[in-house]
Amino acid sequence: EEAGRLIGTNLVGANDEKAGEIENLIVDNTGRVRGAVVEWGGFLGIGQRSAIIPMEQIQFGADGRGHLGMTREQLGALPRYERDKLGDLGRQQSLGDGLQLLRN
């Protein structure tokens, strides 16, 4: 329940510009939150992009926002998260493998 409060959190990049919003969370089989599905860009759902950000790369501040250690440009360079193409990370592959792919 506590982790569910993170959904909808606004994120800012390294240069303090709006970087996106947490749309969903990636949870491993022990219940630990391992990553956040972050969405940004687009208008009314058209042209939005998504990527998985490991939780270690998000620092939550007293201002209620999440702070990323990357710029919006770096965020845009990450591989897209497409749920229908990746399937369920927990069933298709280990979460560690999924996050490792994004770090390469």
N, C-alpha and C. Protein backbone atom coordinates (compact mmCIF):
# COMPACT_ATOMS: atom_id res chain seq x y z
N GLU A 1 0.83 -1.20 0.00
CA GLU A 1 0.00 0.00 0.00
C GLU A 1 0.87 1.25 0.00
N GLU A 2 1.93 1.25 0.79
CA GLU A 2 2.84 2.39 0.85
C GLU A 2 3.44 2.68 -0.52
N ALA A 3 3.87 1.62 -1.22
CA ALA A 3 4.47 1.80 -2.53
C ALA A 3 3.47 2.37 -3.53
N GLY A 4 2.21 2.02 -3.40
CA GLY A 4 1.19 2.52 -4.31
C GLY A 4 1.06 4.03 -4.30
N ARG A 5 1.49 4.65 -3.22
CA ARG A 5 1.44 6.12 -3.14
C ARG A 5 2.43 6.77 -4.09
N LEU A 6 3.42 6.02 -4.54
CA LEU A 6 4.42 6.57 -5.46
C LEU A 6 3.85 6.80 -6.86
N ILE A 7 2.82 6.03 -7.22
CA ILE A 7 2.22 6.18 -8.55
C ILE A 7 1.62 7.57 -8.66
N GLY A 8 1.97 8.24 -9.74
CA GLY A 8 1.51 9.61 -9.96
C GLY A 8 2.52 10.66 -9.52
N THR A 9 3.61 10.22 -8.88
CA THR A 9 4.63 11.17 -8.43
C THR A 9 5.30 11.84 -9.62
N ASN A 10 5.40 13.16 -9.57
CA ASN A 10 6.12 13.90 -10.61
C ASN A 10 7.61 13.75 -10.40
N LEU A 11 8.33 13.62 -11.51
CA LEU A 11 9.78 13.48 -11.47
C LEU A 11 10.43 14.68 -12.12
N VAL A 12 11.56 15.10 -11.56
CA VAL A 12 12.35 16.16 -12.16
C VAL A 12 13.73 15.61 -12.48
N GLY A 13 14.33 16.15 -13.53
CA GLY A 13 15.63 15.69 -13.97
C GLY A 13 16.77 16.38 -13.24
N ALA A 14 17.98 16.03 -13.66
CA ALA A 14 19.19 16.55 -13.02
C ALA A 14 19.26 18.07 -13.07
N ASN A 15 18.67 18.68 -14.09
CA ASN A 15 18.69 20.14 -14.21
C ASN A 15 17.39 20.76 -13.69
N ASP A 16 16.66 20.02 -12.86
CA ASP A 16 15.43 20.46 -12.20
C ASP A 16 14.27 20.76 -13.14
N GLU A 17 14.31 20.19 -14.37
CA GLU A 17 13.17 20.34 -15.27
C GLU A 17 12.25 19.12 -15.12
N LYS A 18 10.96 19.31 -15.41
CA LYS A 18 10.00 18.21 -15.32
C LYS A 18 10.44 17.09 -16.27
N ALA A 19 10.55 15.88 -15.72
CA ALA A 19 11.04 14.76 -16.50
C ALA A 19 9.97 13.71 -16.77
N GLY A 20 8.87 13.72 -16.05
CA GLY A 20 7.84 12.72 -16.27
C GLY A 20 7.08 12.41 -14.99
N GLU A 21 6.39 11.27 -15.01
CA GLU A 21 5.55 10.87 -13.88
C GLU A 21 5.62 9.36 -13.73
N ILE A 22 5.60 8.88 -12.49
CA ILE A 22 5.57 7.44 -12.25
C ILE A 22 4.18 6.93 -12.59
N GLU A 23 4.12 6.06 -13.58
CA GLU A 23 2.86 5.50 -14.06
C GLU A 23 2.54 4.17 -13.38
N ASN A 24 3.60 3.41 -13.07
CA ASN A 24 3.40 2.09 -12.48
C ASN A 24 4.69 1.68 -11.79
N LEU A 25 4.65 0.58 -11.05
CA LEU A 25 5.82 0.08 -10.34
C LEU A 25 6.10 -1.35 -10.76
N ILE A 26 7.37 -1.71 -10.79
CA ILE A 26 7.79 -3.08 -11.05
C ILE A 26 8.18 -3.68 -9.71
N VAL A 27 7.50 -4.75 -9.33
CA VAL A 27 7.69 -5.38 -8.02
C VAL A 27 8.17 -6.80 -8.23
N ASP A 28 9.20 -7.22 -7.48
CA ASP A 28 9.67 -8.59 -7.62
C ASP A 28 8.80 -9.54 -6.81
N ASN A 29 9.13 -10.84 -6.87
CA ASN A 29 8.28 -11.83 -6.22
C ASN A 29 8.35 -11.79 -4.69
N THR A 30 9.24 -10.99 -4.12
CA THR A 30 9.29 -10.83 -2.67
C THR A 30 8.50 -9.61 -2.22
N GLY A 31 7.96 -8.85 -3.18
CA GLY A 31 7.20 -7.65 -2.87
C GLY A 31 8.03 -6.38 -2.86
N ARG A 32 9.31 -6.51 -3.18
CA ARG A 32 10.20 -5.33 -3.20
C ARG A 32 10.01 -4.57 -4.51
N VAL A 33 9.85 -3.25 -4.40
CA VAL A 33 9.73 -2.40 -5.59
C VAL A 33 11.12 -2.26 -6.19
N ARG A 34 11.28 -2.70 -7.43
CA ARG A 34 12.59 -2.68 -8.08
C ARG A 34 12.73 -1.59 -9.12
N GLY A 35 11.62 -1.16 -9.69
CA GLY A 35 11.70 -0.14 -10.73
C GLY A 35 10.39 0.60 -10.86
N ALA A 36 10.47 1.73 -11.56
CA ALA A 36 9.28 2.54 -11.82
C ALA A 36 9.11 2.68 -13.32
N VAL A 37 7.87 2.49 -13.78
CA VAL A 37 7.55 2.79 -15.18
C VAL A 37 7.27 4.28 -15.22
N VAL A 38 8.10 5.01 -15.94
CA VAL A 38 8.00 6.46 -16.02
C VAL A 38 7.47 6.84 -17.39
N GLU A 39 6.47 7.73 -17.41
CA GLU A 39 5.90 8.24 -18.67
C GLU A 39 6.20 9.72 -18.79
N TRP A 40 6.40 10.17 -20.03
CA TRP A 40 6.61 11.59 -20.29
C TRP A 40 6.22 11.91 -21.73
N GLY A 41 6.05 13.18 -21.99
CA GLY A 41 5.75 13.64 -23.34
C GLY A 41 4.33 13.33 -23.76
N GLY A 42 4.02 13.72 -24.97
CA GLY A 42 2.71 13.44 -25.54
C GLY A 42 1.63 14.38 -25.04
N PHE A 43 0.45 14.18 -25.61
CA PHE A 43 -0.71 14.99 -25.26
C PHE A 43 -1.94 14.11 -25.34
N LEU A 44 -2.69 14.03 -24.26
CA LEU A 44 -3.90 13.20 -24.18
C LEU A 44 -3.62 11.75 -24.56
N GLY A 45 -2.47 11.24 -24.13
CA GLY A 45 -2.14 9.85 -24.37
C GLY A 45 -1.50 9.56 -25.72
N ILE A 46 -1.40 10.56 -26.58
CA ILE A 46 -0.81 10.37 -27.91
C ILE A 46 0.64 10.84 -27.86
N GLY A 47 1.54 9.97 -28.29
CA GLY A 47 2.95 10.33 -28.33
C GLY A 47 3.69 10.18 -27.02
N GLN A 48 3.04 9.59 -26.01
CA GLN A 48 3.72 9.40 -24.74
C GLN A 48 4.78 8.32 -24.88
N ARG A 49 5.84 8.47 -24.09
CA ARG A 49 6.89 7.47 -24.04
C ARG A 49 6.98 6.94 -22.62
N SER A 50 7.48 5.72 -22.49
CA SER A 50 7.65 5.09 -21.18
C SER A 50 8.99 4.38 -21.14
N ALA A 51 9.59 4.34 -19.96
CA ALA A 51 10.81 3.58 -19.73
C ALA A 51 10.79 3.10 -18.28
N ILE A 52 11.56 2.06 -18.00
CA ILE A 52 11.69 1.57 -16.63
C ILE A 52 12.95 2.19 -16.04
N ILE A 53 12.79 2.80 -14.88
CA ILE A 53 13.91 3.39 -14.16
C ILE A 53 14.12 2.59 -12.87
N PRO A 54 15.33 2.07 -12.63
CA PRO A 54 15.57 1.38 -11.36
C PRO A 54 15.34 2.33 -10.19
N MET A 55 14.76 1.84 -9.12
CA MET A 55 14.42 2.68 -7.97
C MET A 55 15.65 3.36 -7.37
N GLU A 56 16.83 2.74 -7.52
CA GLU A 56 18.05 3.35 -6.97
C GLU A 56 18.37 4.67 -7.66
N GLN A 57 17.80 4.92 -8.82
CA GLN A 57 18.09 6.14 -9.57
C GLN A 57 17.08 7.25 -9.29
N ILE A 58 16.14 7.01 -8.37
CA ILE A 58 15.15 8.03 -8.01
C ILE A 58 15.30 8.36 -6.53
N GLN A 59 15.51 9.62 -6.24
CA GLN A 59 15.58 10.09 -4.85
C GLN A 59 14.31 10.90 -4.57
N PHE A 60 13.59 10.55 -3.52
CA PHE A 60 12.35 11.24 -3.20
C PHE A 60 12.63 12.34 -2.19
N GLY A 61 12.24 13.56 -2.54
CA GLY A 61 12.52 14.72 -1.71
C GLY A 61 11.34 15.14 -0.86
N ALA A 62 11.62 16.03 0.07
CA ALA A 62 10.59 16.57 0.95
C ALA A 62 9.56 17.39 0.18
N ASP A 63 9.92 17.78 -1.05
CA ASP A 63 9.00 18.56 -1.89
C ASP A 63 7.93 17.69 -2.55
N GLY A 64 7.97 16.36 -2.28
CA GLY A 64 6.96 15.46 -2.83
C GLY A 64 7.27 15.00 -4.24
N ARG A 65 8.41 15.41 -4.78
CA ARG A 65 8.79 15.00 -6.13
C ARG A 65 9.91 13.97 -6.07
N GLY A 66 10.04 13.22 -7.16
CA GLY A 66 11.16 12.31 -7.31
C GLY A 66 12.23 13.00 -8.14
N HIS A 67 13.47 12.86 -7.73
CA HIS A 67 14.57 13.50 -8.43
C HIS A 67 15.42 12.43 -9.11
N LEU A 68 15.58 12.58 -10.42
CA LEU A 68 16.37 11.65 -11.21
C LEU A 68 17.79 12.17 -11.34
N GLY A 69 18.74 11.27 -11.39
CA GLY A 69 20.12 11.67 -11.62
C GLY A 69 20.45 11.72 -13.10
N MET A 70 19.48 12.10 -13.92
CA MET A 70 19.70 12.18 -15.37
C MET A 70 18.86 13.32 -15.92
N THR A 71 19.25 13.81 -17.09
CA THR A 71 18.49 14.87 -17.74
C THR A 71 17.32 14.27 -18.51
N ARG A 72 16.44 15.12 -18.96
CA ARG A 72 15.31 14.65 -19.77
C ARG A 72 15.81 14.04 -21.08
N GLU A 73 16.90 14.57 -21.61
CA GLU A 73 17.48 14.02 -22.84
C GLU A 73 17.99 12.60 -22.61
N GLN A 74 18.63 12.37 -21.47
CA GLN A 74 19.11 11.03 -21.14
C GLN A 74 17.94 10.08 -20.93
N LEU A 75 16.89 10.56 -20.30
CA LEU A 75 15.68 9.76 -20.11
C LEU A 75 15.12 9.36 -21.47
N GLY A 76 15.07 10.30 -22.39
CA GLY A 76 14.54 10.02 -23.73
C GLY A 76 15.37 9.03 -24.52
N ALA A 77 16.64 8.86 -24.14
CA ALA A 77 17.52 7.92 -24.85
C ALA A 77 17.38 6.49 -24.34
N LEU A 78 16.66 6.28 -23.23
CA LEU A 78 16.47 4.93 -22.70
C LEU A 78 15.57 4.12 -23.63
N PRO A 79 15.75 2.79 -23.63
CA PRO A 79 14.84 1.94 -24.42
C PRO A 79 13.41 2.13 -23.95
N ARG A 80 12.49 2.15 -24.90
CA ARG A 80 11.07 2.29 -24.56
C ARG A 80 10.55 1.07 -23.83
N TYR A 81 9.69 1.32 -22.87
CA TYR A 81 8.96 0.25 -22.20
C TYR A 81 7.64 0.10 -22.93
N GLU A 82 7.46 -1.06 -23.54
CA GLU A 82 6.20 -1.35 -24.23
C GLU A 82 5.66 -2.64 -23.62
N ARG A 83 4.70 -2.48 -22.75
CA ARG A 83 4.17 -3.61 -21.98
C ARG A 83 3.74 -4.78 -22.87
N ASP A 84 3.08 -4.50 -23.97
CA ASP A 84 2.59 -5.58 -24.82
C ASP A 84 3.72 -6.33 -25.51
N LYS A 85 4.88 -5.70 -25.69
CA LYS A 85 6.00 -6.38 -26.33
C LYS A 85 6.89 -7.09 -25.33
N LEU A 86 7.03 -6.54 -24.13
CA LEU A 86 7.89 -7.15 -23.13
C LEU A 86 7.18 -8.22 -22.33
N GLY A 87 5.87 -8.16 -22.28
CA GLY A 87 5.13 -9.12 -21.48
C GLY A 87 5.32 -8.85 -20.00
N ASP A 88 4.98 -9.81 -19.21
CA ASP A 88 5.11 -9.68 -17.76
C ASP A 88 6.55 -9.98 -17.38
N LEU A 89 7.30 -8.97 -16.93
CA LEU A 89 8.70 -9.17 -16.58
C LEU A 89 8.87 -10.27 -15.55
N GLY A 90 7.93 -10.39 -14.63
CA GLY A 90 8.04 -11.40 -13.59
C GLY A 90 7.91 -12.81 -14.10
N ARG A 91 7.23 -12.99 -15.21
CA ARG A 91 7.02 -14.34 -15.75
C ARG A 91 7.94 -14.65 -16.92
N GLN A 92 8.21 -13.67 -17.77
CA GLN A 92 9.00 -13.89 -18.97
C GLN A 92 10.50 -14.00 -18.67
N GLN A 93 10.97 -13.20 -17.77
CA GLN A 93 12.39 -13.16 -17.43
C GLN A 93 12.50 -12.61 -16.02
N SER A 94 13.67 -12.76 -15.44
CA SER A 94 13.81 -12.21 -14.09
C SER A 94 13.86 -10.70 -14.18
N LEU A 95 13.41 -10.04 -13.14
CA LEU A 95 13.41 -8.58 -13.12
C LEU A 95 14.83 -8.06 -13.25
N GLY A 96 15.77 -8.73 -12.62
CA GLY A 96 17.17 -8.31 -12.72
C GLY A 96 17.62 -8.28 -14.17
N ASP A 97 17.25 -9.28 -14.95
CA ASP A 97 17.58 -9.30 -16.37
C ASP A 97 16.94 -8.13 -17.08
N GLY A 98 15.69 -7.83 -16.75
CA GLY A 98 14.98 -6.73 -17.39
C GLY A 98 15.65 -5.40 -17.11
N LEU A 99 16.05 -5.18 -15.86
CA LEU A 99 16.71 -3.93 -15.52
C LEU A 99 18.12 -3.89 -16.08
N GLN A 100 18.78 -5.02 -16.13
CA GLN A 100 20.13 -5.06 -16.69
C GLN A 100 20.11 -4.64 -18.16
N LEU A 101 19.10 -5.05 -18.89
CA LEU A 101 18.99 -4.67 -20.30
C LEU A 101 18.94 -3.16 -20.45
N LEU A 102 18.28 -2.47 -19.53
CA LEU A 102 18.17 -1.03 -19.63
C LEU A 102 19.46 -0.31 -19.27
N ARG A 103 20.29 -0.95 -18.51
CA ARG A 103 21.55 -0.30 -18.10
C ARG A 103 22.61 -0.42 -19.16
N ASN A 104 22.50 -1.36 -20.07
CA ASN A 104 23.52 -1.55 -21.12
C ASN A 104 23.41 -0.50 -22.20
